[in-house]
Every structure is written in structure tokens, then in C-alpha cells.
Protein backbone atom coordinates (compact mmCIF):
# COMPACT_ATOMS: atom_id res chain seq x y z
CA UNK A 1 10.47 -17.32 1.83
CA UNK A 2 13.22 -17.60 4.39
CA UNK A 3 15.39 -14.48 3.75
CA UNK A 4 14.82 -10.80 2.91
CA UNK A 5 17.87 -10.84 0.63
CA UNK A 6 17.70 -11.71 -3.03
CA UNK A 7 20.19 -14.44 -4.17
CA UNK A 8 21.90 -15.43 -7.33
CA UNK A 9 23.12 -18.90 -8.18
CA UNK A 10 25.83 -17.78 -10.59
CA UNK A 11 28.35 -15.00 -10.62
CA UNK A 12 27.42 -11.76 -12.42
CA UNK A 13 29.52 -9.89 -15.05
CA UNK A 14 32.45 -12.29 -14.70
CA UNK A 15 32.91 -11.70 -10.96
CA UNK A 16 33.85 -14.67 -8.91
CA UNK A 17 33.31 -15.62 -5.31
CA UNK A 18 35.77 -14.44 -2.67
CA UNK A 19 37.26 -16.95 -0.26
CA UNK A 20 35.62 -15.30 2.74
CA UNK A 21 32.01 -16.44 2.26
CA UNK A 22 29.14 -17.24 -0.09
CA UNK A 23 29.56 -13.89 -1.87
CA UNK A 24 28.17 -15.02 -5.26
CA UNK A 25 24.90 -16.27 -3.82
CA UNK A 26 24.16 -13.12 -1.84
CA UNK A 27 24.09 -10.38 -4.44
CA UNK A 28 22.11 -7.46 -3.00
CA UNK A 29 18.84 -6.45 -4.64
CA UNK A 30 19.61 -3.91 -7.35
CA UNK A 31 16.15 -2.85 -8.45
CA UNK A 32 12.89 -1.96 -6.66
CA UNK A 33 10.89 -4.61 -8.54
CA UNK A 34 13.14 -7.40 -7.26
CA UNK A 35 12.56 -6.76 -3.59
CA UNK A 36 11.30 -9.77 -1.70
CA UNK A 37 7.71 -9.49 -0.35
CA UNK A 38 6.08 -11.21 2.61
CA UNK A 39 3.28 -10.62 5.14
CA UNK A 40 5.27 -12.64 7.73
CA UNK A 41 7.75 -10.58 9.79
CA UNK A 42 9.80 -13.76 10.35
CA UNK A 43 10.80 -13.58 6.62
CA UNK A 44 12.74 -10.42 7.28
CA UNK A 45 16.02 -10.19 9.14
CA UNK A 46 16.41 -7.74 12.08
CA UNK A 47 16.93 -4.18 10.88
CA UNK A 48 20.44 -2.91 11.36
CA UNK A 49 20.32 0.37 9.38
CA UNK A 50 22.79 -0.91 6.84
CA UNK A 51 20.02 -2.12 4.55
CA UNK A 52 19.30 0.02 1.48
CA UNK A 53 15.66 0.50 2.48
CA UNK A 54 16.67 1.68 5.99
CA UNK A 55 20.02 3.42 5.51
CA UNK A 56 18.62 6.93 5.89
CA UNK A 57 16.30 6.13 8.82
CA UNK A 58 17.29 6.54 12.57
CA UNK A 59 16.50 2.83 13.24
CA UNK A 60 17.92 2.88 16.73
CA UNK A 61 14.91 4.99 17.83
CA UNK A 62 12.48 2.45 16.10
CA UNK A 63 13.46 -0.72 17.85
CA UNK A 64 10.06 -1.12 19.67
CA UNK A 65 8.06 -0.99 16.37
CA UNK A 66 10.54 -2.96 14.29
CA UNK A 67 11.41 -5.86 16.81
CA UNK A 68 9.01 -5.52 19.67
CA UNK A 69 5.46 -6.71 20.40
CA UNK A 70 2.76 -4.54 18.73
CA UNK A 71 -0.84 -4.31 20.01
CA UNK A 72 -2.99 -5.37 17.07
CA UNK A 73 -6.33 -4.46 18.61
CA UNK A 74 -8.70 -1.93 16.84
CA UNK A 75 -7.25 1.50 16.71
CA UNK A 76 -9.50 4.16 18.00
CA UNK A 77 -10.95 5.85 14.88
CA UNK A 78 -14.00 7.81 13.63
CA UNK A 79 -15.31 8.19 10.12
CA UNK A 80 -17.61 10.78 8.63
CA UNK A 81 -21.13 9.45 8.38
CA UNK A 82 -22.36 10.38 4.91
CA UNK A 83 -24.31 8.61 2.23
CA UNK A 84 -22.12 6.81 -0.19
CA UNK A 85 -19.49 5.96 2.46
CA UNK A 86 -19.45 2.81 4.66
CA UNK A 87 -17.10 1.78 7.44
CA UNK A 88 -16.64 -1.66 9.03
CA UNK A 89 -14.09 -3.91 10.64
CA UNK A 90 -13.25 -7.17 8.89
CA UNK A 91 -11.10 -10.11 10.08
CA UNK A 92 -7.52 -10.49 8.92
CA UNK A 93 -8.38 -13.63 6.82
CA UNK A 94 -11.12 -11.76 4.86
CA UNK A 95 -10.56 -12.00 1.05
CA UNK A 96 -10.59 -8.24 0.78
CA UNK A 97 -7.25 -8.07 2.68
CA UNK A 98 -4.04 -8.10 0.56
CA UNK A 99 -5.35 -6.98 -2.78
CA UNK A 100 -3.40 -3.81 -3.20
CA UNK A 101 0.04 -5.02 -2.12
CA UNK A 102 2.11 -6.63 0.65
CA UNK A 103 5.17 -5.61 2.60
CA UNK A 104 8.68 -5.34 1.18
CA UNK A 105 10.49 -4.66 4.56
CA UNK A 106 10.33 -5.61 8.17
CA UNK A 107 8.45 -2.60 9.58
CA UNK A 108 5.44 -3.21 7.33
CA UNK A 109 5.61 -6.90 7.83
CA UNK A 110 5.62 -6.50 11.55
CA UNK A 111 2.46 -4.48 11.43
CA UNK A 112 0.91 -6.94 9.02
CA UNK A 113 1.77 -9.95 11.27
CA UNK A 114 0.27 -8.26 14.34
CA UNK A 115 -3.03 -6.70 13.36
CA UNK A 116 -6.24 -8.53 14.32
CA UNK A 117 -8.85 -6.74 12.21
CA UNK A 118 -8.74 -4.41 9.21
CA UNK A 119 -10.67 -1.16 9.03
CA UNK A 120 -12.47 -1.04 5.73
CA UNK A 121 -13.83 2.22 4.33
CA UNK A 122 -15.78 1.91 1.12
CA UNK A 123 -16.69 4.75 -1.37
CA UNK A 124 -19.74 3.75 -3.46
CA UNK A 125 -21.23 7.07 -4.61
CA UNK A 126 -20.88 8.11 -8.21
CA UNK A 127 -21.22 11.73 -7.01
CA UNK A 128 -18.26 13.29 -5.27
CA UNK A 129 -18.25 12.56 -1.55
CA UNK A 130 -15.72 13.39 1.21
CA UNK A 131 -14.93 11.08 4.21
CA UNK A 132 -12.62 12.01 7.05
CA UNK A 133 -10.98 9.30 9.07
CA UNK A 134 -9.88 10.82 12.44
CA UNK A 135 -7.22 9.18 14.63
CA UNK A 136 -6.53 11.43 17.57
CA UNK A 137 -7.14 9.11 20.58
CA UNK A 138 -4.16 6.79 20.38
CA UNK A 139 -1.60 6.68 23.15
CA UNK A 140 2.19 6.07 23.34
CA UNK A 141 1.86 2.26 23.40
CA UNK A 142 3.30 0.41 20.32
CA UNK A 143 0.47 -0.41 17.98
CA UNK A 144 -0.23 -2.05 14.60
CA UNK A 145 -3.01 -1.05 12.31
CA UNK A 146 -4.42 -2.08 8.88
CA UNK A 147 -6.73 0.12 6.86
CA UNK A 148 -8.37 -0.63 3.52
CA UNK A 149 -9.86 2.20 1.41
CA UNK A 150 -11.89 0.94 -1.56
CA UNK A 151 -13.53 3.01 -4.28
CA UNK A 152 -16.13 1.07 -6.13
CA UNK A 153 -16.16 1.11 -9.99
CA UNK A 154 -17.05 4.65 -11.28
CA UNK A 155 -17.34 6.13 -7.80
CA UNK A 156 -15.79 9.47 -6.95
CA UNK A 157 -14.43 10.28 -3.42
CA UNK A 158 -12.00 12.16 -1.26
CA UNK A 159 -10.70 10.31 1.86
CA UNK A 160 -8.66 12.31 4.42
CA UNK A 161 -6.79 10.43 7.12
CA UNK A 162 -6.17 12.85 10.01
CA UNK A 163 -3.40 11.84 12.44
CA UNK A 164 -2.76 13.84 15.58
CA UNK A 165 -1.84 13.30 19.24
CA UNK A 166 0.59 10.63 20.71
CA UNK A 167 1.47 7.49 18.83
CA UNK A 168 3.89 4.67 18.31
CA UNK A 169 2.08 3.39 15.33
CA UNK A 170 3.10 0.99 12.56
CA UNK A 171 0.47 0.32 9.81
CA UNK A 172 -0.37 -0.78 6.39
CA UNK A 173 -2.96 1.05 4.23
CA UNK A 174 -4.31 -0.60 1.19
CA UNK A 175 -6.20 1.42 -1.52
CA UNK A 176 -8.32 -0.30 -4.13
CA UNK A 177 -9.45 1.82 -7.03
CA UNK A 178 -12.19 0.23 -9.19
CA UNK A 179 -12.54 0.59 -12.90
CA UNK A 180 -13.42 4.13 -13.95
CA UNK A 181 -13.24 5.45 -10.36
CA UNK A 182 -11.71 8.69 -9.22
CA UNK A 183 -10.28 8.67 -5.74
CA UNK A 184 -8.14 11.13 -3.74
CA UNK A 185 -6.45 9.88 -0.52
CA UNK A 186 -4.86 12.38 1.85
CA UNK A 187 -2.80 11.36 4.81
CA UNK A 188 -2.07 14.24 7.30
CA UNK A 189 0.57 13.83 10.04
CA UNK A 190 0.18 16.36 12.73
CA UNK A 191 1.40 14.14 15.60
CA UNK A 192 2.80 15.34 18.92
CA UNK A 193 6.50 16.00 19.17
CA UNK A 194 7.50 12.62 20.46
CA UNK A 195 5.24 10.47 18.20
CA UNK A 196 6.60 7.67 15.84
CA UNK A 197 4.73 6.65 12.74
CA UNK A 198 5.68 4.06 10.19
CA UNK A 199 3.24 3.62 7.28
CA UNK A 200 3.27 1.75 4.09
CA UNK A 201 0.46 2.65 1.58
CA UNK A 202 -0.30 0.37 -1.34
CA UNK A 203 -2.64 1.26 -4.17
CA UNK A 204 -3.87 -0.72 -7.11
CA UNK A 205 -5.74 1.34 -9.84
CA UNK A 206 -8.26 -0.15 -12.16
CA UNK A 207 -8.91 0.39 -15.89
CA UNK A 208 -9.29 4.05 -16.85
CA UNK A 209 -9.32 4.87 -13.05
CA UNK A 210 -7.40 7.64 -11.33
CA UNK A 211 -5.85 8.09 -7.87
CA UNK A 212 -4.40 11.17 -6.36
CA UNK A 213 -2.38 10.36 -3.22
CA UNK A 214 -1.37 13.36 -1.05
CA UNK A 215 0.91 13.34 1.95
CA UNK A 216 1.24 16.33 4.34
CA UNK A 217 3.77 15.62 7.13
CA UNK A 218 4.24 18.37 9.69
CA UNK A 219 4.30 16.75 13.19
CA UNK A 220 5.96 13.85 14.92
CA UNK A 221 9.51 12.92 16.00
CA UNK A 222 9.85 10.20 13.20
CA UNK A 223 7.41 9.91 10.39
CA UNK A 224 8.18 7.35 7.60
CA UNK A 225 5.34 7.14 5.08
CA UNK A 226 5.93 5.19 1.91
CA UNK A 227 3.35 5.03 -0.81
CA UNK A 228 3.36 2.45 -3.63
CA UNK A 229 1.00 3.00 -6.51
CA UNK A 230 0.50 0.13 -8.93
CA UNK A 231 -0.92 1.17 -12.29
CA UNK A 232 -1.76 -2.39 -13.31
CA UNK A 233 -4.74 -1.77 -15.63
CA UNK A 234 -4.78 -0.04 -19.01
CA UNK A 235 -5.46 3.66 -18.85
CA UNK A 236 -4.75 4.02 -15.11
CA UNK A 237 -3.59 7.32 -13.83
CA UNK A 238 -1.71 8.00 -10.65
CA UNK A 239 -0.57 11.27 -8.99
CA UNK A 240 1.58 11.27 -5.83
CA UNK A 241 1.91 14.65 -4.13
CA UNK A 242 3.63 15.62 -0.77
CA UNK A 243 4.35 18.52 1.40
CA UNK A 244 6.52 18.37 4.50
CA UNK A 245 8.11 20.75 6.99
CA UNK A 246 10.83 19.47 9.29
CA UNK A 247 11.92 21.27 12.44
CA UNK A 248 14.96 20.74 14.71
CA UNK A 249 15.54 17.07 15.46
CA UNK A 250 12.65 15.88 13.37
CA UNK A 251 12.94 13.12 10.79
CA UNK A 252 10.35 13.00 7.99
CA UNK A 253 10.85 10.29 5.24
CA UNK A 254 8.92 9.41 2.10
CA UNK A 255 9.76 6.65 -0.27
CA UNK A 256 7.49 6.78 -3.30
CA UNK A 257 7.02 4.02 -5.88
CA UNK A 258 5.05 4.25 -9.11
CA UNK A 259 4.84 0.86 -10.91
CA UNK A 260 3.60 1.06 -14.52
CA UNK A 261 2.38 -2.44 -15.37
CA UNK A 262 -0.18 -1.87 -18.20
CA UNK A 263 -0.31 0.03 -21.49
CA UNK A 264 -1.20 3.74 -21.73
CA UNK A 265 -0.74 4.56 -17.95
CA UNK A 266 0.26 8.03 -16.68
CA UNK A 267 1.91 9.21 -13.35
CA UNK A 268 3.06 12.43 -11.88
CA UNK A 269 5.07 12.72 -8.60
CA UNK A 270 5.68 16.07 -6.89
CA UNK A 271 7.04 16.28 -3.31
CA UNK A 272 8.11 19.53 -1.79
CA UNK A 273 9.68 20.11 1.66
CA UNK A 274 11.09 22.76 3.90
CA UNK A 275 13.61 22.30 6.69
CA UNK A 276 14.63 24.51 9.63
CA UNK A 277 16.50 23.94 12.87
CA UNK A 278 19.55 21.90 13.97
CA UNK A 279 19.15 18.21 13.10
CA UNK A 280 16.09 18.59 10.83
CA UNK A 281 16.27 15.67 8.35
CA UNK A 282 14.10 14.78 5.43
CA UNK A 283 14.41 11.89 3.03
CA UNK A 284 12.67 11.45 -0.24
CA UNK A 285 13.33 8.46 -2.51
CA UNK A 286 11.32 8.23 -5.75
CA UNK A 287 11.18 4.97 -7.67
CA UNK A 288 9.38 4.76 -11.07
CA UNK A 289 9.27 1.46 -12.89
CA UNK A 290 7.97 1.19 -16.48
CA UNK A 291 7.72 -2.43 -17.26
CA UNK A 292 8.09 -4.08 -20.66
CA UNK A 293 4.28 -4.24 -21.22
CA UNK A 294 3.72 -0.66 -20.19
CA UNK A 295 3.74 0.82 -23.74
CA UNK A 296 2.58 4.36 -24.12
CA UNK A 297 3.53 5.35 -20.58
CA UNK A 298 3.77 8.95 -19.62
CA UNK A 299 5.65 9.60 -16.35
CA UNK A 300 7.45 12.32 -14.49
CA UNK A 301 8.64 12.76 -10.90
CA UNK A 302 10.26 15.59 -9.02
CA UNK A 303 11.35 16.56 -5.47
CA UNK A 304 12.17 20.04 -4.26
CA UNK A 305 13.58 20.93 -0.87
CA UNK A 306 13.97 24.46 0.61
CA UNK A 307 16.62 24.78 3.32
CA UNK A 308 15.82 27.58 5.69
CA UNK A 309 18.65 27.40 8.36
CA UNK A 310 21.98 25.82 8.92
CA UNK A 311 22.27 22.31 10.46
CA UNK A 312 19.66 20.62 8.32
CA UNK A 313 19.97 17.66 5.90
CA UNK A 314 17.76 16.79 2.87
CA UNK A 315 18.35 13.49 1.08
CA UNK A 316 16.63 13.39 -2.32
CA UNK A 317 17.10 10.36 -4.62
CA UNK A 318 15.02 9.91 -7.83
CA UNK A 319 15.24 6.59 -9.58
CA UNK A 320 13.81 5.60 -12.97
CA UNK A 321 13.73 2.01 -14.49
CA UNK A 322 12.54 1.66 -18.04
CA UNK A 323 12.03 -1.75 -19.59
CA UNK A 324 10.47 -0.63 -22.94
CA UNK A 325 11.39 2.10 -25.42
CA UNK A 326 7.73 2.48 -26.55
CA UNK A 327 6.71 5.25 -24.19
CA UNK A 328 5.29 8.78 -24.38
CA UNK A 329 7.90 10.20 -21.99
CA UNK A 330 9.63 9.72 -18.67
CA UNK A 331 11.81 11.95 -16.52
CA UNK A 332 12.80 13.04 -13.02
CA UNK A 333 14.25 15.96 -11.23
CA UNK A 334 15.55 16.79 -7.81
CA UNK A 335 16.73 20.05 -6.25
CA UNK A 336 17.78 21.24 -2.75
CA UNK A 337 18.68 24.80 -1.98
CA UNK A 338 18.10 28.08 -0.25
CA UNK A 339 15.81 30.99 -1.14
CA UNK A 340 15.76 32.35 -4.66
CA UNK A 341 17.48 35.73 -4.19
CA UNK A 342 15.55 37.14 -7.17
CA UNK A 343 12.21 36.32 -5.55
CA UNK A 344 13.28 37.93 -2.22
CA UNK A 345 14.60 41.04 -4.04
CA UNK A 346 11.39 41.36 -6.04
CA UNK A 347 9.28 41.31 -2.90
CA UNK A 348 11.49 43.73 -1.02
CA UNK A 349 11.28 46.11 -3.93
CA UNK A 350 7.52 46.12 -3.25
CA UNK A 351 8.07 47.26 0.29
CA UNK A 352 7.96 43.91 1.96
CA UNK A 353 10.52 43.20 4.72
CA UNK A 354 13.16 40.54 4.16
CA UNK A 355 11.75 38.30 6.86
CA UNK A 356 8.18 38.59 5.64
CA UNK A 357 9.40 37.98 2.04
CA UNK A 358 11.16 34.77 3.06
CA UNK A 359 7.93 33.56 4.77
CA UNK A 360 5.84 34.40 1.70
CA UNK A 361 8.20 32.26 -0.48
CA UNK A 362 7.95 29.23 1.81
CA UNK A 363 4.27 29.64 2.20
CA UNK A 364 3.72 29.61 -1.56
CA UNK A 365 6.22 26.79 -2.02
CA UNK A 366 4.36 24.33 0.17
CA UNK A 367 0.78 25.55 -0.37
CA UNK A 368 1.09 24.67 -4.07
CA UNK A 369 0.60 21.06 -2.90
CA UNK A 370 -1.87 21.65 -0.04
CA UNK A 371 -4.19 23.55 -2.36
CA UNK A 372 -4.79 20.40 -4.41
CA UNK A 373 -6.51 18.50 -1.55
CA UNK A 374 -9.91 19.60 -2.57
CA UNK A 375 -11.44 20.21 0.93
CA UNK A 376 -11.53 23.86 1.87
CA UNK A 377 -11.52 23.27 5.68
CA UNK A 378 -8.58 20.95 5.57
CA UNK A 379 -6.67 23.21 3.32
CA UNK A 380 -7.28 26.25 5.52
CA UNK A 381 -6.19 24.32 8.56
CA UNK A 382 -3.04 23.02 7.05
CA UNK A 383 -2.14 26.52 5.70
CA UNK A 384 -2.51 27.79 9.26
CA UNK A 385 -0.18 25.00 10.42
CA UNK A 386 2.46 26.01 7.92
CA UNK A 387 2.05 29.63 9.27
CA UNK A 388 2.70 28.32 12.73
CA UNK A 389 5.89 26.49 11.55
CA UNK A 390 7.00 29.76 9.89
CA UNK A 391 6.62 31.60 13.15
CA UNK A 392 9.88 29.90 14.02
CA UNK A 393 13.25 30.79 12.64
CA UNK A 394 13.28 31.74 8.96
CA UNK A 395 16.36 33.51 7.79
């Protein structure tokens, strides 16, 4: 591969080449499934911000992680020591690297090209276990990381990635779910105010297996976390959930991809965000592909955004590609707006002040997602973090 742009050898729909360049041979990629893929950063052109995958992102602030040198040494990390959970570092040429997916854009490819070893966490217990991966000792140096989370066949586990402190981190996270396994992966972003975090998560889900992928983004200057879940075995189930709260000047972006590539697969996507403060910006792009062989698919995706103050921006773009008519159902929804006046009126009629009523609405709006994590301590801490966010301006 020498380019990150799809090409066509013939004109499409009767259109002909202009005289000002090789127009007919440089038709932009139209669908998610057609994007070029490579683990080599040299296969992707420099990012300008005009590319479809980068057009909503403040790329000028990301130059060091997109085009600079990244430190690929081991990232400081700790993992819960518990029976049924193992942790090890493996070389980049290990056969277990690259099973869940590979990059579709330069940021992920830069991280893949730079990392030296991958951090492998394996869940082997058939009884439910919880493992917490803590990363709170990074610094502001530009880094690359690669993490692999594997659930053995018929295992059950909850893996929580806790991110906090300083960072300029670009990473890839692979998730491999074995046949009959049930795995929940939670990624929590509570970085310091100046932190930058680019992450691509790839999951492959085995036969009759299930993954629940949850993202909670609260802290950091720029957080761009894009999960891709590939339901490539019959009976696979995928749920992608997200909660985010953007403050003034903060950019939080999530591009979610569900790829149905086997019969009788199911997916649900629910992302909910709140925004407050001048320049707060959130981006959610949801892509669902139902391939020709994915008969009996059942899929639905939605994104809801709650705007709390003036000066914010929420971009929300659901996309649905269906290549077969033999499905159970598929749909998508998107909504961005202010408080529901009826909810506020109802709470005020019960003697609750307008300010407290607004806080209650926001709290319930986001905690609906947080409450599905499945770890009481983490849920309680994140609920407290939402309370702290709400201590700001809500009007």
C-alpha cells in the first residue's frame, strides 16, 4: 500500500475526468468498510484536517503525536493481581499481535509503528473476575502504547482501564473475545487538563460470545477514542456504551464502528454526552455495517447530547450500511438539545430548586451509562466525578 486514498480506474455514474488532474482515479472513500488499512505509518499521508476521518478534530494541536517521534518503550502500568487474570509483555512480532484489527488512519498507524512491546492481559476464569489496569504515572512526553485484552473461550471478566495524570499518548488496544466468552471492557479518561489521548480500540468477538465496551471520558484537553467491534462469528453480540462531559475548551471525540460479518449477530450502541462552557466540543460518529452474509442481524445505535450553556458544539453523525435485506432490524437515532422543560417543571413542583433540578436531570442522564459498568467502586467514583463537573455552571 502506498496511499491512504482509495482509487477507481474508471469513472463513476457517467462522470468524466476534469482537465485539472487525475480526478477519476482519486475518488474519495465513500463507506467505512472501504477504508485502507495498514500498520505502517508511511502508508498514510500527513494529516491536514480536511480528511473525512479528521475533519472534526483540532489536528493542529496533535502534530506531535501524528507526525513526530513517539517513545515506544513500556508504558508504566499496574494490573490487579487476581486468580484467572494474567499480565505479560510480548514482542511486537508475536503472533498474538494484530488479531483484532489494524489501523485505518495515521494516528493509530503512528502508534503501531512505534511501539516496542505489547501489554497482554488474559482473562481465563470461567467465574466472573475483575481486573483494573491503572495508568497514572505517565508524563507529558509523546508516547505510543499497544495493549491486548484476551478473554479465553467461555471465560467471564470485567477489565477497567483507568487513565489519569499527564499524557501525550497515542495507542492501539486489541480485544479478543473467545467463543462463548463474556467480556466487559471499560476505558475511563480522567486525564489532567492539558493531556492528549488518541486511542483506537479493535474487538473481534467469537461464536456466541459477547462484549460490552464502555467509554467514560471526563478529563483531558483532547480525547479521541474510537472503538471498532467486529462481530465476525455467528451469534456474536456487541454493546458499545459511552458517557462524556465536556467543559470549556475541551474536545472529546468518539467514532464507533460495529461490523456485522456473520449470521445472527446483535449490536446496541448508546452514547450520551453533556457540554458546558465556551468552546466545549464533542464529536460522535456511529458507523454500523451489516454485510451481505450477516443474515438475521439485530442492530440499533443512538447518540444523545445535552447542552448546558451557550458556546458549545456537539457533532453527532449516525451512519448505517445494509447489504442484505434478511435482517431482524436496524436503526439509528441522534438528538442534541437543552433540558426537557417538563422534567424541570415536575421537579420544581416537588419543591426542588431550578438549579438543583437541572443537576438532577444531568446526573440521571449520564449515570444511566455509568451504572452499567458492573463495579460498584468505579461507578461510585465516576458518579462523584460527574457531581464535580456539575459543580460548574449549569443553567
